[in-house]
Amino acid sequence: GLPPSVRPAEGGGLPSSRQHRKLAQLEIMVALVAAAVLRAAGRKAPGEPVRVVEFCSGSGHIALPLAAVLGPTLVTCICVDLNEVAIGLAKERAEAAALPVEPLCMTVGGFRQRVLQGGNMFDVGVALHACGAASDSSMEACLQCDAAFVICPCCVGKVNHAGAANYTETEGGLDLQYPRSVAFRNLLSHQEYTAVASAADWHDQVPQQDARRQAKAVVEADRAAHAEECGYRVVQAQMPIWCTPKNDVLVGIPRSWSGG
């Protein structure tokens, strides 16, 4: 089994009221990331581990179990989060289990700046319920590195836009365009996209759930289309609704990994 410090309930301080649903989410995400890691491993030099980044990681609920299960010869992980307390806990948990996990206290945009400057290149990125533009910035970091991604977006309606006259948002000094894809920018005006994104911010207690679910499907299709335009094969999947109402998962693999 997992070392005590790696277990989300024990080492991560996950409240008992959230454990059943959260553990199901984490098991699914870890399995999907592990599959991407095995794909990436085939492209690495002998003895070179796959580098995984968990964005908006909190205390490392995905990175730590992944590192513990796959081992240091196959994977090393980076946790990126702006919360100093959470990153401190991730460091303590990793050290207690002697795992190759590097915690970084910074925004996703700040991490992207590092990547643009030639640092922190990686092979697989993951984000579970990164709020608003952080999910898009996480995906963008992966696109910059030609890295696979496993992203389960969260509060879509919290994506703030830079103004009614344009499509961009600045996150960490870097612009993100909305809609994300050229295909959807040709279909939706900025005003229409903003309305769809606002409607897509739903949970199991809000009214008009069917309409909101359809709106979120549009937003996730736009994200998938953007990655596909950037040379990825993307699979859109869903976790069981009982473990999270925000259950859309986007899994992207660069076409270059299989020769086009």
C-alpha atoms as a PDB file:
ATOM      1  CA  GLY A   1       0.000   0.000   0.000  1.00  0.00           C
ATOM      2  CA  LEU A   2       0.886   3.657  -0.097  1.00  0.00           C
ATOM      3  CA  PRO A   3       3.111   5.154   2.626  1.00  0.00           C
ATOM      4  CA  PRO A   4       1.025   6.942   5.287  1.00  0.00           C
ATOM      5  CA  SER A   5       2.274  10.404   4.293  1.00  0.00           C
ATOM      6  CA  VAL A   6       1.150   9.797   0.695  1.00  0.00           C
ATOM      7  CA  ARG A   7      -2.394   8.746   1.517  1.00  0.00           C
ATOM      8  CA  PRO A   8      -4.740  11.710   0.957  1.00  0.00           C
ATOM      9  CA  ALA A   9      -6.742  11.045   4.113  1.00  0.00           C
ATOM     10  CA  GLU A  10      -3.774  10.615   6.434  1.00  0.00           C
ATOM     11  CA  GLY A  11      -0.877  12.587   4.985  1.00  0.00           C
ATOM     12  CA  GLY A  12      -2.991  15.096   3.076  1.00  0.00           C
ATOM     13  CA  GLY A  13      -5.495  15.879   5.800  1.00  0.00           C
ATOM     14  CA  LEU A  14      -8.504  15.169   3.575  1.00  0.00           C
ATOM     15  CA  PRO A  15     -11.671  15.601   5.702  1.00  0.00           C
ATOM     16  CA  SER A  16     -13.702  12.438   6.231  1.00  0.00           C
ATOM     17  CA  SER A  17     -16.792  14.115   4.768  1.00  0.00           C
ATOM     18  CA  ARG A  18     -15.001  14.455   1.402  1.00  0.00           C
ATOM     19  CA  GLN A  19     -12.994  11.249   1.341  1.00  0.00           C
ATOM     20  CA  HIS A  20     -15.329   8.940  -0.577  1.00  0.00           C
ATOM     21  CA  ARG A  21     -15.873  11.295  -3.511  1.00  0.00           C
ATOM     22  CA  LYS A  22     -12.402  12.804  -3.551  1.00  0.00           C
ATOM     23  CA  LEU A  23     -10.610   9.459  -3.420  1.00  0.00           C
ATOM     24  CA  ALA A  24     -12.641   8.276  -6.415  1.00  0.00           C
ATOM     25  CA  GLN A  25     -11.614  11.399  -8.349  1.00  0.00           C
ATOM     26  CA  LEU A  26      -7.963  10.881  -7.449  1.00  0.00           C
ATOM     27  CA  GLU A  27      -7.961   7.191  -8.388  1.00  0.00           C
ATOM     28  CA  ILE A  28      -9.326   8.027 -11.838  1.00  0.00           C
ATOM     29  CA  MET A  29      -6.890  10.890 -12.408  1.00  0.00           C
ATOM     30  CA  VAL A  30      -3.865   8.900 -11.227  1.00  0.00           C
ATOM     31  CA  ALA A  31      -4.818   6.008 -13.533  1.00  0.00           C
ATOM     32  CA  LEU A  32      -5.152   8.333 -16.540  1.00  0.00           C
ATOM     33  CA  VAL A  33      -1.867  10.080 -15.796  1.00  0.00           C
ATOM     34  CA  ALA A  34      -0.109   6.743 -15.300  1.00  0.00           C
ATOM     35  CA  ALA A  35      -1.279   5.647 -18.755  1.00  0.00           C
ATOM     36  CA  ALA A  36       0.133   8.867 -20.253  1.00  0.00           C
ATOM     37  CA  VAL A  37       3.407   8.329 -18.360  1.00  0.00           C
ATOM     38  CA  LEU A  38       3.778   4.861 -19.868  1.00  0.00           C
ATOM     39  CA  ARG A  39       3.248   6.372 -23.333  1.00  0.00           C
ATOM     40  CA  ALA A  40       5.856   9.027 -22.606  1.00  0.00           C
ATOM     41  CA  ALA A  41       8.355   6.504 -21.223  1.00  0.00           C
ATOM     42  CA  GLY A  42       8.671   4.918 -24.644  1.00  0.00           C
ATOM     43  CA  ARG A  43      10.078   8.190 -25.956  1.00  0.00           C
ATOM     44  CA  LYS A  44      12.702   8.686 -23.235  1.00  0.00           C
ATOM     45  CA  ALA A  45      16.322   7.590 -23.183  1.00  0.00           C
ATOM     46  CA  PRO A  46      17.065   4.439 -21.146  1.00  0.00           C
ATOM     47  CA  GLY A  47      17.111   5.296 -17.453  1.00  0.00           C
ATOM     48  CA  GLU A  48      15.612   8.765 -17.955  1.00  0.00           C
ATOM     49  CA  PRO A  49      12.409   9.211 -15.902  1.00  0.00           C
ATOM     50  CA  VAL A  50       9.258  10.849 -17.219  1.00  0.00           C
ATOM     51  CA  ARG A  51       8.682  14.343 -15.772  1.00  0.00           C
ATOM     52  CA  VAL A  52       5.139  14.996 -14.549  1.00  0.00           C
ATOM     53  CA  VAL A  53       3.765  18.359 -13.403  1.00  0.00           C
ATOM     54  CA  GLU A  54       0.676  18.587 -11.202  1.00  0.00           C
ATOM     55  CA  PHE A  55      -0.765  22.084 -11.590  1.00  0.00           C
ATOM     56  CA  CYS A  56      -2.778  23.688  -8.786  1.00  0.00           C
ATOM     57  CA  SER A  57      -1.607  20.675  -6.841  1.00  0.00           C
ATOM     58  CA  GLY A  58      -2.487  21.623  -3.289  1.00  0.00           C
ATOM     59  CA  SER A  59      -0.448  19.238  -1.155  1.00  0.00           C
ATOM     60  CA  GLY A  60       0.163  16.816  -4.029  1.00  0.00           C
ATOM     61  CA  HIS A  61      -2.825  14.467  -3.974  1.00  0.00           C
ATOM     62  CA  ILE A  62      -2.035  13.210  -7.513  1.00  0.00           C
ATOM     63  CA  ALA A  63       1.736  13.658  -7.790  1.00  0.00           C
ATOM     64  CA  LEU A  64       2.618  11.830  -4.579  1.00  0.00           C
ATOM     65  CA  PRO A  65       0.587   8.639  -5.163  1.00  0.00           C
ATOM     66  CA  LEU A  66       1.791   8.597  -8.770  1.00  0.00           C
ATOM     67  CA  ALA A  67       5.432   8.832  -7.697  1.00  0.00           C
ATOM     68  CA  ALA A  68       4.905   6.192  -5.013  1.00  0.00           C
ATOM     69  CA  VAL A  69       3.212   3.719  -7.355  1.00  0.00           C
ATOM     70  CA  LEU A  70       5.460   4.136 -10.427  1.00  0.00           C
ATOM     71  CA  GLY A  71       8.774   4.629  -8.642  1.00  0.00           C
ATOM     72  CA  PRO A  72      11.713   7.005  -9.198  1.00  0.00           C
ATOM     73  CA  THR A  73      13.179   5.130 -12.137  1.00  0.00           C
ATOM     74  CA  LEU A  74      10.004   5.772 -14.147  1.00  0.00           C
ATOM     75  CA  VAL A  75       8.750   9.159 -12.941  1.00  0.00           C
ATOM     76  CA  THR A  76       9.686  12.379 -11.168  1.00  0.00           C
ATOM     77  CA  CYS A  77       7.050  14.955 -10.272  1.00  0.00           C
ATOM     78  CA  ILE A  78       6.695  18.697  -9.756  1.00  0.00           C
ATOM     79  CA  CYS A  79       3.862  20.215  -7.704  1.00  0.00           C
ATOM     80  CA  VAL A  80       2.882  23.769  -8.676  1.00  0.00           C
ATOM     81  CA  ASP A  81       0.606  25.772  -6.395  1.00  0.00           C
ATOM     82  CA  LEU A  82       0.378  29.354  -5.157  1.00  0.00           C
ATOM     83  CA  ASN A  83      -0.609  28.326  -1.626  1.00  0.00           C
ATOM     84  CA  GLU A  84       2.519  28.331   0.549  1.00  0.00           C
ATOM     85  CA  VAL A  85       0.934  26.167   3.237  1.00  0.00           C
ATOM     86  CA  ALA A  86      -0.169  23.505   0.740  1.00  0.00           C
ATOM     87  CA  ILE A  87       3.219  23.472  -0.980  1.00  0.00           C
ATOM     88  CA  GLY A  88       4.913  23.175   2.402  1.00  0.00           C
ATOM     89  CA  LEU A  89       2.759  20.163   3.201  1.00  0.00           C
ATOM     90  CA  ALA A  90       3.554  18.628  -0.198  1.00  0.00           C
ATOM     91  CA  LYS A  91       7.270  18.985   0.607  1.00  0.00           C
ATOM     92  CA  GLU A  92       6.819  17.351   4.020  1.00  0.00           C
ATOM     93  CA  ARG A  93       4.789  14.482   2.579  1.00  0.00           C
ATOM     94  CA  ALA A  94       7.302  13.828  -0.202  1.00  0.00           C
ATOM     95  CA  GLU A  95      10.274  13.910   2.159  1.00  0.00           C
ATOM     96  CA  ALA A  96       8.568  11.568   4.635  1.00  0.00           C
ATOM     97  CA  ALA A  97       8.113   9.002   1.869  1.00  0.00           C
ATOM     98  CA  ALA A  98      11.460   9.751   0.154  1.00  0.00           C
ATOM     99  CA  LEU A  99       9.720  10.503  -3.130  1.00  0.00           C
ATOM    100  CA  PRO A 100      11.180  12.447  -6.096  1.00  0.00           C
ATOM    101  CA  VAL A 101       8.649  15.289  -5.911  1.00  0.00           C
ATOM    102  CA  GLU A 102       9.667  18.941  -6.231  1.00  0.00           C
ATOM    103  CA  PRO A 103       7.177  21.480  -4.800  1.00  0.00           C
ATOM    104  CA  LEU A 104       7.119  24.946  -6.425  1.00  0.00           C
ATOM    105  CA  CYS A 105       5.178  27.833  -4.888  1.00  0.00           C
ATOM    106  CA  MET A 106       4.087  29.862  -7.921  1.00  0.00           C
ATOM    107  CA  THR A 107       1.191  30.484 -10.296  1.00  0.00           C
ATOM    108  CA  VAL A 108       0.661  28.372 -13.391  1.00  0.00           C
ATOM    109  CA  GLY A 109       1.413  31.485 -15.436  1.00  0.00           C
ATOM    110  CA  GLY A 110       4.718  31.894 -13.618  1.00  0.00           C
ATOM    111  CA  PHE A 111       5.560  28.280 -14.399  1.00  0.00           C
ATOM    112  CA  ARG A 112       4.705  28.894 -18.060  1.00  0.00           C
ATOM    113  CA  GLN A 113       7.126  31.817 -18.090  1.00  0.00           C
ATOM    114  CA  ARG A 114       9.850  29.456 -16.869  1.00  0.00           C
ATOM    115  CA  VAL A 115       8.997  27.024 -19.663  1.00  0.00           C
ATOM    116  CA  LEU A 116       9.182  29.798 -22.268  1.00  0.00           C
ATOM    117  CA  GLN A 117      12.638  30.647 -20.939  1.00  0.00           C
ATOM    118  CA  GLY A 118      13.760  27.051 -21.446  1.00  0.00           C
ATOM    119  CA  GLY A 119      13.352  25.705 -17.915  1.00  0.00           C
ATOM    120  CA  ASN A 120      11.125  23.080 -16.284  1.00  0.00           C
ATOM    121  CA  MET A 121      10.436  21.138 -19.466  1.00  0.00           C
ATOM    122  CA  PHE A 122       8.202  18.161 -18.763  1.00  0.00           C
ATOM    123  CA  ASP A 123       6.381  15.250 -20.405  1.00  0.00           C
ATOM    124  CA  VAL A 124       2.923  15.001 -18.779  1.00  0.00           C
ATOM    125  CA  GLY A 125       0.787  17.650 -17.079  1.00  0.00           C
ATOM    126  CA  VAL A 126      -2.245  17.147 -14.859  1.00  0.00           C
ATOM    127  CA  ALA A 127      -4.756  19.501 -13.238  1.00  0.00           C
ATOM    128  CA  LEU A 128      -7.754  18.505 -11.144  1.00  0.00           C
ATOM    129  CA  HIS A 129     -10.344  21.262 -10.657  1.00  0.00           C
ATOM    130  CA  ALA A 130      -7.953  24.144 -11.304  1.00  0.00           C
ATOM    131  CA  CYS A 131     -10.188  27.211 -11.102  1.00  0.00           C
ATOM    132  CA  GLY A 132     -11.149  29.205 -14.165  1.00  0.00           C
ATOM    133  CA  ALA A 133      -8.275  30.245 -16.401  1.00  0.00           C
ATOM    134  CA  ALA A 134      -5.828  28.086 -14.411  1.00  0.00           C
ATOM    135  CA  SER A 135      -7.135  24.996 -16.244  1.00  0.00           C
ATOM    136  CA  ASP A 136      -6.503  26.718 -19.581  1.00  0.00           C
ATOM    137  CA  SER A 137      -3.082  27.958 -18.483  1.00  0.00           C
ATOM    138  CA  SER A 138      -2.222  24.412 -17.366  1.00  0.00           C
ATOM    139  CA  MET A 139      -3.153  23.078 -20.777  1.00  0.00           C
ATOM    140  CA  GLU A 140      -1.163  25.836 -22.452  1.00  0.00           C
ATOM    141  CA  ALA A 141       1.934  24.887 -20.462  1.00  0.00           C
ATOM    142  CA  CYS A 142       1.555  21.344 -21.798  1.00  0.00           C
ATOM    143  CA  LEU A 143       1.151  22.585 -25.374  1.00  0.00           C
ATOM    144  CA  GLN A 144       4.329  24.655 -24.989  1.00  0.00           C
ATOM    145  CA  CYS A 145       6.274  21.511 -23.982  1.00  0.00           C
ATOM    146  CA  ASP A 146       4.658  19.065 -26.410  1.00  0.00           C
ATOM    147  CA  ALA A 147       3.560  17.266 -23.246  1.00  0.00           C
ATOM    148  CA  ALA A 148       0.534  15.039 -22.735  1.00  0.00           C
ATOM    149  CA  PHE A 149      -2.198  16.401 -20.481  1.00  0.00           C
ATOM    150  CA  VAL A 150      -4.965  15.124 -18.218  1.00  0.00           C
ATOM    151  CA  ILE A 151      -7.188  18.026 -17.171  1.00  0.00           C
ATOM    152  CA  CYS A 152     -10.454  18.039 -15.238  1.00  0.00           C
ATOM    153  CA  PRO A 153     -11.604  21.693 -15.370  1.00  0.00           C
ATOM    154  CA  CYS A 154     -13.572  23.348 -12.601  1.00  0.00           C
ATOM    155  CA  CYS A 155     -15.377  26.691 -12.283  1.00  0.00           C
ATOM    156  CA  VAL A 156     -15.669  27.780 -15.892  1.00  0.00           C
ATOM    157  CA  GLY A 157     -17.731  30.844 -15.087  1.00  0.00           C
ATOM    158  CA  LYS A 158     -14.871  32.275 -13.031  1.00  0.00           C
ATOM    159  CA  VAL A 159     -12.894  32.819 -16.216  1.00  0.00           C
ATOM    160  CA  ASN A 160     -12.613  36.602 -16.284  1.00  0.00           C
ATOM    161  CA  HIS A 161     -12.244  38.286 -19.624  1.00  0.00           C
ATOM    162  CA  ALA A 162     -10.170  41.326 -20.407  1.00  0.00           C
ATOM    163  CA  GLY A 163     -13.002  43.330 -21.972  1.00  0.00           C
ATOM    164  CA  ALA A 164     -15.996  43.242 -24.275  1.00  0.00           C
ATOM    165  CA  ALA A 165     -13.911  44.196 -27.294  1.00  0.00           C
ATOM    166  CA  ASN A 166     -11.427  41.305 -27.234  1.00  0.00           C
ATOM    167  CA  TYR A 167     -11.004  37.643 -26.388  1.00  0.00           C
ATOM    168  CA  THR A 168      -7.950  37.644 -24.163  1.00  0.00           C
ATOM    169  CA  GLU A 169      -7.244  37.180 -20.499  1.00  0.00           C
ATOM    170  CA  THR A 170      -3.860  37.752 -18.927  1.00  0.00           C
ATOM    171  CA  GLU A 171      -2.698  35.077 -16.456  1.00  0.00           C
ATOM    172  CA  GLY A 172       0.814  35.339 -15.097  1.00  0.00           C
ATOM    173  CA  GLY A 173       1.673  37.930 -17.728  1.00  0.00           C
ATOM    174  CA  LEU A 174       0.638  35.648 -20.578  1.00  0.00           C
ATOM    175  CA  ASP A 175      -2.487  36.020 -22.690  1.00  0.00           C
ATOM    176  CA  LEU A 176      -5.143  33.337 -23.138  1.00  0.00           C
ATOM    177  CA  GLN A 177      -7.638  33.730 -25.949  1.00  0.00           C
ATOM    178  CA  TYR A 178     -11.353  32.997 -25.503  1.00  0.00           C
ATOM    179  CA  PRO A 179     -12.922  31.083 -27.105  1.00  0.00           C
ATOM    180  CA  ARG A 180      -9.832  28.903 -26.956  1.00  0.00           C
ATOM    181  CA  SER A 181     -10.046  27.524 -30.488  1.00  0.00           C
ATOM    182  CA  VAL A 182     -10.082  29.198 -33.889  1.00  0.00           C
ATOM    183  CA  ALA A 183     -13.059  27.023 -34.790  1.00  0.00           C
ATOM    184  CA  PHE A 184     -15.159  28.335 -31.904  1.00  0.00           C
ATOM    185  CA  ARG A 185     -13.970  31.935 -32.367  1.00  0.00           C
ATOM    186  CA  ASN A 186     -15.468  31.668 -35.840  1.00  0.00           C
ATOM    187  CA  LEU A 187     -18.757  30.494 -34.316  1.00  0.00           C
ATOM    188  CA  LEU A 188     -19.193  32.552 -31.133  1.00  0.00           C
ATOM    189  CA  SER A 189     -18.791  36.245 -30.424  1.00  0.00           C
ATOM    190  CA  HIS A 190     -17.036  37.310 -27.237  1.00  0.00           C
ATOM    191  CA  GLN A 191     -20.407  38.151 -25.693  1.00  0.00           C
ATOM    192  CA  GLU A 192     -21.872  34.776 -26.654  1.00  0.00           C
ATOM    193  CA  TYR A 193     -18.881  32.901 -25.288  1.00  0.00           C
ATOM    194  CA  THR A 194     -19.020  34.806 -22.002  1.00  0.00           C
ATOM    195  CA  ALA A 195     -22.700  33.898 -21.642  1.00  0.00           C
ATOM    196  CA  VAL A 196     -21.968  30.227 -22.334  1.00  0.00           C
ATOM    197  CA  ALA A 197     -19.028  30.172 -19.884  1.00  0.00           C
ATOM    198  CA  SER A 198     -21.149  31.788 -17.170  1.00  0.00           C
ATOM    199  CA  ALA A 199     -23.940  29.261 -17.704  1.00  0.00           C
ATOM    200  CA  ALA A 200     -21.420  26.417 -17.597  1.00  0.00           C
ATOM    201  CA  ASP A 201     -20.403  27.144 -14.010  1.00  0.00           C
ATOM    202  CA  TRP A 202     -22.701  24.621 -12.404  1.00  0.00           C
ATOM    203  CA  HIS A 203     -22.971  22.132  -9.574  1.00  0.00           C
ATOM    204  CA  ASP A 204     -25.633  19.706  -8.382  1.00  0.00           C
ATOM    205  CA  GLN A 205     -27.546  22.352  -6.408  1.00  0.00           C
ATOM    206  CA  VAL A 206     -28.124  24.941  -9.133  1.00  0.00           C
ATOM    207  CA  PRO A 207     -31.318  25.252 -11.224  1.00  0.00           C
ATOM    208  CA  GLN A 208     -31.496  24.450 -14.964  1.00  0.00           C
ATOM    209  CA  GLN A 209     -28.926  21.694 -14.659  1.00  0.00           C
ATOM    210  CA  ASP A 210     -29.511  20.294 -18.159  1.00  0.00           C
ATOM    211  CA  ALA A 211     -28.919  23.671 -19.832  1.00  0.00           C
ATOM    212  CA  ARG A 212     -25.854  24.309 -17.694  1.00  0.00           C
ATOM    213  CA  ARG A 213     -24.475  20.850 -18.465  1.00  0.00           C
ATOM    214  CA  GLN A 214     -24.889  21.544 -22.188  1.00  0.00           C
ATOM    215  CA  ALA A 215     -23.096  24.877 -21.782  1.00  0.00           C
ATOM    216  CA  LYS A 216     -20.161  23.184 -20.041  1.00  0.00           C
ATOM    217  CA  ALA A 217     -20.005  20.640 -22.849  1.00  0.00           C
ATOM    218  CA  VAL A 218     -19.556  23.517 -25.297  1.00  0.00           C
ATOM    219  CA  VAL A 219     -16.728  25.018 -23.245  1.00  0.00           C
ATOM    220  CA  GLU A 220     -14.920  21.677 -22.982  1.00  0.00           C
ATOM    221  CA  ALA A 221     -15.380  21.009 -26.719  1.00  0.00           C
ATOM    222  CA  ASP A 222     -13.763  24.396 -27.359  1.00  0.00           C
ATOM    223  CA  ARG A 223     -10.799  23.475 -25.151  1.00  0.00           C
ATOM    224  CA  ALA A 224     -10.434  20.141 -26.936  1.00  0.00           C
ATOM    225  CA  ALA A 225     -10.631  21.836 -30.342  1.00  0.00           C
ATOM    226  CA  HIS A 226      -7.855  24.245 -29.338  1.00  0.00           C
ATOM    227  CA  ALA A 227      -5.544  21.383 -28.404  1.00  0.00           C
ATOM    228  CA  GLU A 228      -6.407  19.553 -31.621  1.00  0.00           C
ATOM    229  CA  GLU A 229      -5.550  22.682 -33.617  1.00  0.00           C
ATOM    230  CA  CYS A 230      -2.184  22.637 -31.819  1.00  0.00           C
ATOM    231  CA  GLY A 231      -1.395  19.106 -32.968  1.00  0.00           C
ATOM    232  CA  TYR A 232      -2.976  16.896 -30.306  1.00  0.00           C
ATOM    233  CA  ARG A 233      -5.292  13.943 -30.272  1.00  0.00           C
ATOM    234  CA  VAL A 234      -7.846  14.635 -27.554  1.00  0.00           C
ATOM    235  CA  VAL A 235     -10.310  12.338 -25.812  1.00  0.00           C
ATOM    236  CA  GLN A 236     -13.193  13.874 -23.867  1.00  0.00           C
ATOM    237  CA  ALA A 237     -14.369  11.672 -21.011  1.00  0.00           C
ATOM    238  CA  GLN A 238     -16.393  11.992 -17.820  1.00  0.00           C
ATOM    239  CA  MET A 239     -15.966  10.738 -14.293  1.00  0.00           C
ATOM    240  CA  PRO A 240     -19.037   9.210 -12.630  1.00  0.00           C
ATOM    241  CA  ILE A 241     -21.365  12.055 -11.685  1.00  0.00           C
ATOM    242  CA  TRP A 242     -21.608  10.854  -8.073  1.00  0.00           C
ATOM    243  CA  CYS A 243     -17.939  11.635  -7.403  1.00  0.00           C
ATOM    244  CA  THR A 244     -18.091  15.187  -8.797  1.00  0.00           C
ATOM    245  CA  PRO A 245     -20.627  17.205 -10.805  1.00  0.00           C
ATOM    246  CA  LYS A 246     -17.677  18.888 -12.551  1.00  0.00           C
ATOM    247  CA  ASN A 247     -16.686  15.601 -14.064  1.00  0.00           C
ATOM    248  CA  ASP A 248     -15.404  16.424 -17.564  1.00  0.00           C
ATOM    249  CA  VAL A 249     -11.881  15.164 -18.265  1.00  0.00           C
ATOM    250  CA  LEU A 250      -9.744  16.094 -21.259  1.00  0.00           C
ATOM    251  CA  VAL A 251      -6.885  13.747 -22.151  1.00  0.00           C
ATOM    252  CA  GLY A 252      -4.497  14.956 -24.837  1.00  0.00           C
ATOM    253  CA  ILE A 253      -1.557  13.201 -26.495  1.00  0.00           C
ATOM    254  CA  PRO A 254       0.660  15.035 -29.024  1.00  0.00           C
ATOM    255  CA  ARG A 255       0.342  13.622 -32.511  1.00  0.00           C
ATOM    256  CA  SER A 256       4.119  13.901 -32.747  1.00  0.00           C
ATOM    257  CA  TRP A 257       4.404  11.093 -30.208  1.00  0.00           C
ATOM    258  CA  SER A 258       3.102   8.641 -32.789  1.00  0.00           C
ATOM    259  CA  GLY A 259       4.612  10.218 -35.862  1.00  0.00           C
ATOM    260  CA  GLY A 260       1.759  12.536 -36.833  1.00  0.00           C
END
